[in-house]
Amino acid sequence: MPHPRFSGDEIADRGEQLYEQSIREKVETEENIGKIISIDIETGDYEIDVDPLVTGLRLQAKHPDAAIYGKRIGYNAVYAIGGTLERTV
């Protein structure tokens, strides 16, 4: 279901920009590598867990209309279908 205020591309662009500029250095720790981070692209709030549903629900509890971007910490994708996840450096 599309978000009413943002396109999928806008969510991905803003989410990745937030992650790289202000979140990555805080969360890419040994204990978080491989976990899922979901980011509210409007507030910058984020949640981390092994389950993407849990992170999304936590953010929606705080911000019901949140535009949420998700990624796997330390990797190039959340899931790999027919390929492999590659570790980012």
PDB file of N, CA and C in Angstrom:
ATOM      1  N   MET A   1       0.846  -1.171   0.000  1.00  0.00           N
ATOM      2  CA  MET A   1       0.000   0.000   0.000  1.00  0.00           C
ATOM      3  C   MET A   1       0.895   1.240   0.000  1.00  0.00           C
ATOM      4  N   PRO A   2       0.706   2.141  -0.939  1.00  0.00           N
ATOM      5  CA  PRO A   2       1.563   3.316  -1.008  1.00  0.00           C
ATOM      6  C   PRO A   2       1.326   4.263   0.167  1.00  0.00           C
ATOM      7  N   HIS A   3       2.361   5.006   0.488  1.00  0.00           N
ATOM      8  CA  HIS A   3       2.248   6.010   1.543  1.00  0.00           C
ATOM      9  C   HIS A   3       1.566   7.240   0.964  1.00  0.00           C
ATOM     10  N   PRO A   4       0.685   7.906   1.724  1.00  0.00           N
ATOM     11  CA  PRO A   4      -0.056   9.043   1.172  1.00  0.00           C
ATOM     12  C   PRO A   4       0.779  10.293   0.891  1.00  0.00           C
ATOM     13  N   ARG A   5       1.927  10.434   1.544  1.00  0.00           N
ATOM     14  CA  ARG A   5       2.725  11.659   1.354  1.00  0.00           C
ATOM     15  C   ARG A   5       4.024  11.448   0.593  1.00  0.00           C
ATOM     16  N   PHE A   6       4.500  10.211   0.481  1.00  0.00           N
ATOM     17  CA  PHE A   6       5.800   9.952  -0.124  1.00  0.00           C
ATOM     18  C   PHE A   6       5.729   8.768  -1.080  1.00  0.00           C
ATOM     19  N   SER A   7       6.471   8.855  -2.160  1.00  0.00           N
ATOM     20  CA  SER A   7       6.594   7.705  -3.060  1.00  0.00           C
ATOM     21  C   SER A   7       7.594   6.726  -2.447  1.00  0.00           C
ATOM     22  N   GLY A   8       7.609   5.530  -2.965  1.00  0.00           N
ATOM     23  CA  GLY A   8       8.580   4.538  -2.504  1.00  0.00           C
ATOM     24  C   GLY A   8      10.008   4.999  -2.695  1.00  0.00           C
ATOM     25  N   ASP A   9      10.268   5.669  -3.830  1.00  0.00           N
ATOM     26  CA  ASP A   9      11.613   6.182  -4.088  1.00  0.00           C
ATOM     27  C   ASP A   9      12.006   7.267  -3.091  1.00  0.00           C
ATOM     28  N   GLU A  10      11.054   8.148  -2.746  1.00  0.00           N
ATOM     29  CA  GLU A  10      11.347   9.196  -1.763  1.00  0.00           C
ATOM     30  C   GLU A  10      11.665   8.598  -0.395  1.00  0.00           C
ATOM     31  N   ILE A  11      10.907   7.587  -0.004  1.00  0.00           N
ATOM     32  CA  ILE A  11      11.154   6.933   1.286  1.00  0.00           C
ATOM     33  C   ILE A  11      12.536   6.298   1.287  1.00  0.00           C
ATOM     34  N   ALA A  12      12.868   5.592   0.218  1.00  0.00           N
ATOM     35  CA  ALA A  12      14.181   4.939   0.136  1.00  0.00           C
ATOM     36  C   ALA A  12      15.310   5.965   0.140  1.00  0.00           C
ATOM     37  N   ASP A  13      15.173   7.031  -0.633  1.00  0.00           N
ATOM     38  CA  ASP A  13      16.219   8.060  -0.698  1.00  0.00           C
ATOM     39  C   ASP A  13      16.415   8.750   0.645  1.00  0.00           C
ATOM     40  N   ARG A  14      15.326   9.182   1.254  1.00  0.00           N
ATOM     41  CA  ARG A  14      15.414   9.873   2.550  1.00  0.00           C
ATOM     42  C   ARG A  14      15.928   8.939   3.641  1.00  0.00           C
ATOM     43  N   GLY A  15      15.441   7.700   3.632  1.00  0.00           N
ATOM     44  CA  GLY A  15      15.872   6.736   4.643  1.00  0.00           C
ATOM     45  C   GLY A  15      17.351   6.437   4.550  1.00  0.00           C
ATOM     46  N   GLU A  16      17.840   6.209   3.344  1.00  0.00           N
ATOM     47  CA  GLU A  16      19.265   5.910   3.163  1.00  0.00           C
ATOM     48  C   GLU A  16      20.121   7.118   3.522  1.00  0.00           C
ATOM     49  N   GLN A  17      19.649   8.304   3.168  1.00  0.00           N
ATOM     50  CA  GLN A  17      20.381   9.527   3.499  1.00  0.00           C
ATOM     51  C   GLN A  17      20.471   9.712   5.023  1.00  0.00           C
ATOM     52  N   LEU A  18      19.360   9.525   5.724  1.00  0.00           N
ATOM     53  CA  LEU A  18      19.380   9.612   7.188  1.00  0.00           C
ATOM     54  C   LEU A  18      20.335   8.585   7.781  1.00  0.00           C
ATOM     55  N   TYR A  19      20.252   7.361   7.281  1.00  0.00           N
ATOM     56  CA  TYR A  19      21.099   6.288   7.795  1.00  0.00           C
ATOM     57  C   TYR A  19      22.574   6.643   7.639  1.00  0.00           C
ATOM     58  N   GLU A  20      22.954   7.050   6.449  1.00  0.00           N
ATOM     59  CA  GLU A  20      24.363   7.348   6.181  1.00  0.00           C
ATOM     60  C   GLU A  20      24.859   8.583   6.925  1.00  0.00           C
ATOM     61  N   GLN A  21      24.035   9.614   7.044  1.00  0.00           N
ATOM     62  CA  GLN A  21      24.479  10.882   7.621  1.00  0.00           C
ATOM     63  C   GLN A  21      24.440  10.939   9.141  1.00  0.00           C
ATOM     64  N   SER A  22      23.477  10.260   9.765  1.00  0.00           N
ATOM     65  CA  SER A  22      23.365  10.453  11.209  1.00  0.00           C
ATOM     66  C   SER A  22      23.109   9.207  12.046  1.00  0.00           C
ATOM     67  N   ILE A  23      22.843   8.077  11.412  1.00  0.00           N
ATOM     68  CA  ILE A  23      22.495   6.889  12.198  1.00  0.00           C
ATOM     69  C   ILE A  23      23.555   5.800  12.129  1.00  0.00           C
ATOM     70  N   ARG A  24      24.144   5.608  10.971  1.00  0.00           N
ATOM     71  CA  ARG A  24      25.057   4.480  10.753  1.00  0.00           C
ATOM     72  C   ARG A  24      26.150   4.362  11.811  1.00  0.00           C
ATOM     73  N   GLU A  25      26.819   5.460  12.115  1.00  0.00           N
ATOM     74  CA  GLU A  25      27.938   5.391  13.068  1.00  0.00           C
ATOM     75  C   GLU A  25      27.486   4.985  14.465  1.00  0.00           C
ATOM     76  N   LYS A  26      26.216   5.207  14.786  1.00  0.00           N
ATOM     77  CA  LYS A  26      25.694   4.835  16.105  1.00  0.00           C
ATOM     78  C   LYS A  26      25.301   3.359  16.174  1.00  0.00           C
ATOM     79  N   VAL A  27      24.813   2.806  15.055  1.00  0.00           N
ATOM     80  CA  VAL A  27      24.201   1.482  15.122  1.00  0.00           C
ATOM     81  C   VAL A  27      25.024   0.341  14.544  1.00  0.00           C
ATOM     82  N   GLU A  28      26.008   0.632  13.725  1.00  0.00           N
ATOM     83  CA  GLU A  28      26.790  -0.467  13.140  1.00  0.00           C
ATOM     84  C   GLU A  28      27.823  -0.959  14.137  1.00  0.00           C
ATOM     85  N   THR A  29      27.302  -1.644  15.149  1.00  0.00           N
ATOM     86  CA  THR A  29      28.128  -2.263  16.176  1.00  0.00           C
ATOM     87  C   THR A  29      28.063  -3.774  15.972  1.00  0.00           C
ATOM     88  N   GLU A  30      29.001  -4.479  16.554  1.00  0.00           N
ATOM     89  CA  GLU A  30      29.052  -5.934  16.410  1.00  0.00           C
ATOM     90  C   GLU A  30      27.727  -6.578  16.828  1.00  0.00           C
ATOM     91  N   GLU A  31      27.116  -6.077  17.893  1.00  0.00           N
ATOM     92  CA  GLU A  31      25.861  -6.678  18.372  1.00  0.00           C
ATOM     93  C   GLU A  31      24.675  -6.418  17.445  1.00  0.00           C
ATOM     94  N   ASN A  32      24.753  -5.373  16.602  1.00  0.00           N
ATOM     95  CA  ASN A  32      23.643  -5.044  15.711  1.00  0.00           C
ATOM     96  C   ASN A  32      23.803  -5.542  14.276  1.00  0.00           C
ATOM     97  N   ILE A  33      25.003  -5.959  13.884  1.00  0.00           N
ATOM     98  CA  ILE A  33      25.215  -6.400  12.505  1.00  0.00           C
ATOM     99  C   ILE A  33      24.254  -7.545  12.190  1.00  0.00           C
ATOM    100  N   GLY A  34      23.519  -7.394  11.104  1.00  0.00           N
ATOM    101  CA  GLY A  34      22.556  -8.402  10.677  1.00  0.00           C
ATOM    102  C   GLY A  34      21.142  -8.158  11.159  1.00  0.00           C
ATOM    103  N   LYS A  35      20.972  -7.271  12.132  1.00  0.00           N
ATOM    104  CA  LYS A  35      19.621  -6.942  12.600  1.00  0.00           C
ATOM    105  C   LYS A  35      18.972  -5.958  11.631  1.00  0.00           C
ATOM    106  N   ILE A  36      17.677  -5.774  11.804  1.00  0.00           N
ATOM    107  CA  ILE A  36      16.903  -4.866  10.967  1.00  0.00           C
ATOM    108  C   ILE A  36      16.745  -3.526  11.678  1.00  0.00           C
ATOM    109  N   ILE A  37      16.924  -2.445  10.929  1.00  0.00           N
ATOM    110  CA  ILE A  37      16.629  -1.119  11.436  1.00  0.00           C
ATOM    111  C   ILE A  37      15.500  -0.551  10.590  1.00  0.00           C
ATOM    112  N   SER A  38      14.503  -0.003  11.249  1.00  0.00           N
ATOM    113  CA  SER A  38      13.420   0.706  10.586  1.00  0.00           C
ATOM    114  C   SER A  38      13.500   2.153  11.030  1.00  0.00           C
ATOM    115  N   ILE A  39      13.438   3.058  10.048  1.00  0.00           N
ATOM    116  CA  ILE A  39      13.638   4.488  10.303  1.00  0.00           C
ATOM    117  C   ILE A  39      12.403   5.266   9.857  1.00  0.00           C
ATOM    118  N   ASP A  40      11.888   6.120  10.728  1.00  0.00           N
ATOM    119  CA  ASP A  40      10.830   7.050  10.356  1.00  0.00           C
ATOM    120  C   ASP A  40      11.523   8.203   9.638  1.00  0.00           C
ATOM    121  N   ILE A  41      11.273   8.355   8.350  1.00  0.00           N
ATOM    122  CA  ILE A  41      12.026   9.331   7.554  1.00  0.00           C
ATOM    123  C   ILE A  41      11.678  10.776   7.877  1.00  0.00           C
ATOM    124  N   GLU A  42      10.585  11.008   8.582  1.00  0.00           N
ATOM    125  CA  GLU A  42      10.220  12.374   8.939  1.00  0.00           C
ATOM    126  C   GLU A  42      10.805  12.805  10.276  1.00  0.00           C
ATOM    127  N   THR A  43      10.884  11.894  11.232  1.00  0.00           N
ATOM    128  CA  THR A  43      11.376  12.258  12.565  1.00  0.00           C
ATOM    129  C   THR A  43      12.815  11.823  12.811  1.00  0.00           C
ATOM    130  N   GLY A  44      13.278  10.827  12.059  1.00  0.00           N
ATOM    131  CA  GLY A  44      14.601  10.269  12.299  1.00  0.00           C
ATOM    132  C   GLY A  44      14.607   9.222  13.398  1.00  0.00           C
ATOM    133  N   ASP A  45      13.461   8.985  14.034  1.00  0.00           N
ATOM    134  CA  ASP A  45      13.379   7.924  15.040  1.00  0.00           C
ATOM    135  C   ASP A  45      13.634   6.589  14.358  1.00  0.00           C
ATOM    136  N   TYR A  46      14.204   5.648  15.106  1.00  0.00           N
ATOM    137  CA  TYR A  46      14.444   4.324  14.538  1.00  0.00           C
ATOM    138  C   TYR A  46      14.315   3.259  15.609  1.00  0.00           C
ATOM    139  N   GLU A  47      14.084   2.052  15.150  1.00  0.00           N
ATOM    140  CA  GLU A  47      13.987   0.878  16.003  1.00  0.00           C
ATOM    141  C   GLU A  47      14.843  -0.224  15.399  1.00  0.00           C
ATOM    142  N   ILE A  48      15.437  -1.041  16.256  1.00  0.00           N
ATOM    143  CA  ILE A  48      16.300  -2.149  15.831  1.00  0.00           C
ATOM    144  C   ILE A  48      15.812  -3.435  16.481  1.00  0.00           C
ATOM    145  N   ASP A  49      15.747  -4.503  15.681  1.00  0.00           N
ATOM    146  CA  ASP A  49      15.356  -5.819  16.183  1.00  0.00           C
ATOM    147  C   ASP A  49      15.735  -6.833  15.113  1.00  0.00           C
ATOM    148  N   VAL A  50      15.628  -8.096  15.428  1.00  0.00           N
ATOM    149  CA  VAL A  50      15.861  -9.133  14.427  1.00  0.00           C
ATOM    150  C   VAL A  50      14.654  -9.296  13.517  1.00  0.00           C
ATOM    151  N   ASP A  51      13.502  -8.819  13.946  1.00  0.00           N
ATOM    152  CA  ASP A  51      12.249  -8.978  13.214  1.00  0.00           C
ATOM    153  C   ASP A  51      11.791  -7.637  12.642  1.00  0.00           C
ATOM    154  N   PRO A  52      11.688  -7.516  11.310  1.00  0.00           N
ATOM    155  CA  PRO A  52      11.276  -6.241  10.719  1.00  0.00           C
ATOM    156  C   PRO A  52       9.851  -5.835  11.101  1.00  0.00           C
ATOM    157  N   LEU A  53       8.986  -6.802  11.363  1.00  0.00           N
ATOM    158  CA  LEU A  53       7.628  -6.474  11.775  1.00  0.00           C
ATOM    159  C   LEU A  53       7.629  -5.776  13.131  1.00  0.00           C
ATOM    160  N   VAL A  54       8.459  -6.247  14.036  1.00  0.00           N
ATOM    161  CA  VAL A  54       8.560  -5.658  15.367  1.00  0.00           C
ATOM    162  C   VAL A  54       9.037  -4.208  15.276  1.00  0.00           C
ATOM    163  N   THR A  55      10.061  -3.963  14.471  1.00  0.00           N
ATOM    164  CA  THR A  55      10.584  -2.594  14.372  1.00  0.00           C
ATOM    165  C   THR A  55       9.543  -1.658  13.767  1.00  0.00           C
ATOM    166  N   GLY A  56       8.844  -2.117  12.744  1.00  0.00           N
ATOM    167  CA  GLY A  56       7.814  -1.296  12.124  1.00  0.00           C
ATOM    168  C   GLY A  56       6.664  -0.998  13.066  1.00  0.00           C
ATOM    169  N   LEU A  57       6.220  -2.000  13.799  1.00  0.00           N
ATOM    170  CA  LEU A  57       5.124  -1.794  14.743  1.00  0.00           C
ATOM    171  C   LEU A  57       5.506  -0.841  15.870  1.00  0.00           C
ATOM    172  N   ARG A  58       6.730  -0.934  16.346  1.00  0.00           N
ATOM    173  CA  ARG A  58       7.184   0.001  17.388  1.00  0.00           C
ATOM    174  C   ARG A  58       7.147   1.434  16.893  1.00  0.00           C
ATOM    175  N   LEU A  59       7.633   1.648  15.663  1.00  0.00           N
ATOM    176  CA  LEU A  59       7.613   3.000  15.105  1.00  0.00           C
ATOM    177  C   LEU A  59       6.190   3.482  14.890  1.00  0.00           C
ATOM    178  N   GLN A  60       5.324   2.626  14.387  1.00  0.00           N
ATOM    179  CA  GLN A  60       3.936   3.028  14.162  1.00  0.00           C
ATOM    180  C   GLN A  60       3.206   3.314  15.470  1.00  0.00           C
ATOM    181  N   ALA A  61       3.596   2.677  16.538  1.00  0.00           N
ATOM    182  CA  ALA A  61       2.996   2.976  17.841  1.00  0.00           C
ATOM    183  C   ALA A  61       3.337   4.400  18.272  1.00  0.00           C
ATOM    184  N   LYS A  62       4.544   4.848  17.949  1.00  0.00           N
ATOM    185  CA  LYS A  62       4.970   6.217  18.289  1.00  0.00           C
ATOM    186  C   LYS A  62       4.462   7.233  17.280  1.00  0.00           C
ATOM    187  N   HIS A  63       4.451   6.853  16.012  1.00  0.00           N
ATOM    188  CA  HIS A  63       4.098   7.751  14.905  1.00  0.00           C
ATOM    189  C   HIS A  63       3.184   6.987  13.943  1.00  0.00           C
ATOM    190  N   PRO A  64       1.872   7.028  14.170  1.00  0.00           N
ATOM    191  CA  PRO A  64       0.939   6.210  13.378  1.00  0.00           C
ATOM    192  C   PRO A  64       1.003   6.425  11.863  1.00  0.00           C
ATOM    193  N   ASP A  65       1.354   7.604  11.415  1.00  0.00           N
ATOM    194  CA  ASP A  65       1.403   7.874   9.976  1.00  0.00           C
ATOM    195  C   ASP A  65       2.833   7.861   9.427  1.00  0.00           C
ATOM    196  N   ALA A  66       3.729   7.195  10.123  1.00  0.00           N
ATOM    197  CA  ALA A  66       5.147   7.203   9.749  1.00  0.00           C
ATOM    198  C   ALA A  66       5.392   6.638   8.350  1.00  0.00           C
ATOM    199  N   ALA A  67       6.328   7.265   7.668  1.00  0.00           N
ATOM    200  CA  ALA A  67       6.869   6.725   6.416  1.00  0.00           C
ATOM    201  C   ALA A  67       8.140   5.997   6.827  1.00  0.00           C
ATOM    202  N   ILE A  68       8.136   4.684   6.717  1.00  0.00           N
ATOM    203  CA  ILE A  68       9.200   3.865   7.306  1.00  0.00           C
ATOM    204  C   ILE A  68      10.099   3.250   6.240  1.00  0.00           C
ATOM    205  N   TYR A  69      11.405   3.428   6.453  1.00  0.00           N
ATOM    206  CA  TYR A  69      12.442   2.829   5.610  1.00  0.00           C
ATOM    207  C   TYR A  69      13.133   1.755   6.429  1.00  0.00           C
ATOM    208  N   GLY A  70      13.359   0.593   5.828  1.00  0.00           N
ATOM    209  CA  GLY A  70      14.018  -0.481   6.553  1.00  0.00           C
ATOM    210  C   GLY A  70      15.231  -1.008   5.818  1.00  0.00           C
ATOM    211  N   LYS A  71      16.212  -1.462   6.585  1.00  0.00           N
ATOM    212  CA  LYS A  71      17.401  -2.088   6.000  1.00  0.00           C
ATOM    213  C   LYS A  71      18.022  -3.032   7.015  1.00  0.00           C
ATOM    214  N   ARG A  72      18.878  -3.920   6.528  1.00  0.00           N
ATOM    215  CA  ARG A  72      19.626  -4.830   7.393  1.00  0.00           C
ATOM    216  C   ARG A  72      20.954  -4.154   7.706  1.00  0.00           C
ATOM    217  N   ILE A  73      21.237  -3.984   8.968  1.00  0.00           N
ATOM    218  CA  ILE A  73      22.445  -3.280   9.400  1.00  0.00           C
ATOM    219  C   ILE A  73      23.686  -4.039   8.952  1.00  0.00           C
ATOM    220  N   GLY A  74      24.542  -3.319   8.237  1.00  0.00           N
ATOM    221  CA  GLY A  74      25.811  -3.898   7.802  1.00  0.00           C
ATOM    222  C   GLY A  74      25.754  -4.674   6.502  1.00  0.00           C
ATOM    223  N   TYR A  75      24.593  -4.698   5.836  1.00  0.00           N
ATOM    224  CA  TYR A  75      24.447  -5.458   4.602  1.00  0.00           C
ATOM    225  C   TYR A  75      23.838  -4.598   3.501  1.00  0.00           C
ATOM    226  N   ASN A  76      23.958  -5.093   2.276  1.00  0.00           N
ATOM    227  CA  ASN A  76      23.486  -4.345   1.113  1.00  0.00           C
ATOM    228  C   ASN A  76      21.990  -4.513   0.857  1.00  0.00           C
ATOM    229  N   ALA A  77      21.331  -5.441   1.534  1.00  0.00           N
ATOM    230  CA  ALA A  77      19.905  -5.674   1.331  1.00  0.00           C
ATOM    231  C   ALA A  77      19.310  -6.285   2.592  1.00  0.00           C
ATOM    232  N   VAL A  78      17.997  -6.218   2.698  1.00  0.00           N
ATOM    233  CA  VAL A  78      17.320  -6.839   3.832  1.00  0.00           C
ATOM    234  C   VAL A  78      17.255  -8.344   3.635  1.00  0.00           C
ATOM    235  N   TYR A  79      16.862  -8.767   2.420  1.00  0.00           N
ATOM    236  CA  TYR A  79      16.762 -10.183   2.076  1.00  0.00           C
ATOM    237  C   TYR A  79      17.421 -10.422   0.735  1.00  0.00           C
ATOM    238  N   ALA A  80      17.836 -11.654   0.489  1.00  0.00           N
ATOM    239  CA  ALA A  80      18.393 -12.031  -0.811  1.00  0.00           C
ATOM    240  C   ALA A  80      17.559 -13.175  -1.369  1.00  0.00           C
ATOM    241  N   ILE A  81      17.040 -12.977  -2.557  1.00  0.00           N
ATOM    242  CA  ILE A  81      16.280 -14.020  -3.234  1.00  0.00           C
ATOM    243  C   ILE A  81      17.081 -14.427  -4.464  1.00  0.00           C
ATOM    244  N   GLY A  82      17.541 -15.644  -4.484  1.00  0.00           N
ATOM    245  CA  GLY A  82      18.336 -16.116  -5.608  1.00  0.00           C
ATOM    246  C   GLY A  82      19.742 -15.556  -5.640  1.00  0.00           C
ATOM    247  N   GLY A  83      20.202 -15.014  -4.544  1.00  0.00           N
ATOM    248  CA  GLY A  83      21.556 -14.451  -4.468  1.00  0.00           C
ATOM    249  C   GLY A  83      22.030 -14.515  -3.026  1.00  0.00           C
ATOM    250  N   THR A  84      23.007 -13.710  -2.728  1.00  0.00           N
ATOM    251  CA  THR A  84      23.523 -13.679  -1.375  1.00  0.00           C
ATOM    252  C   THR A  84      23.562 -12.250  -0.863  1.00  0.00           C
ATOM    253  N   LEU A  85      23.421 -12.106   0.417  1.00  0.00           N
ATOM    254  CA  LEU A  85      23.587 -10.796   1.034  1.00  0.00           C
ATOM    255  C   LEU A  85      25.071 -10.477   1.063  1.00  0.00           C
ATOM    256  N   GLU A  86      25.413  -9.243   0.759  1.00  0.00           N
ATOM    257  CA  GLU A  86      26.805  -8.830   0.803  1.00  0.00           C
ATOM    258  C   GLU A  86      27.005  -7.873   1.964  1.00  0.00           C
ATOM    259  N   ARG A  87      28.047  -8.109   2.711  1.00  0.00           N
ATOM    260  CA  ARG A  87      28.404  -7.274   3.854  1.00  0.00           C
ATOM    261  C   ARG A  87      28.983  -5.974   3.347  1.00  0.00           C
ATOM    262  N   THR A  88      28.490  -4.843   3.879  1.00  0.00           N
ATOM    263  CA  THR A  88      29.054  -3.537   3.547  1.00  0.00           C
ATOM    264  C   THR A  88      30.172  -3.238   4.525  1.00  0.00           C
ATOM    265  N   VAL A  89      31.061  -2.394   4.125  1.00  0.00           N
ATOM    266  CA  VAL A  89      32.193  -2.067   5.000  1.00  0.00           C
ATOM    267  C   VAL A  89      32.048  -0.666   5.518  1.00  0.00           C
TER     268      VAL A  89
END
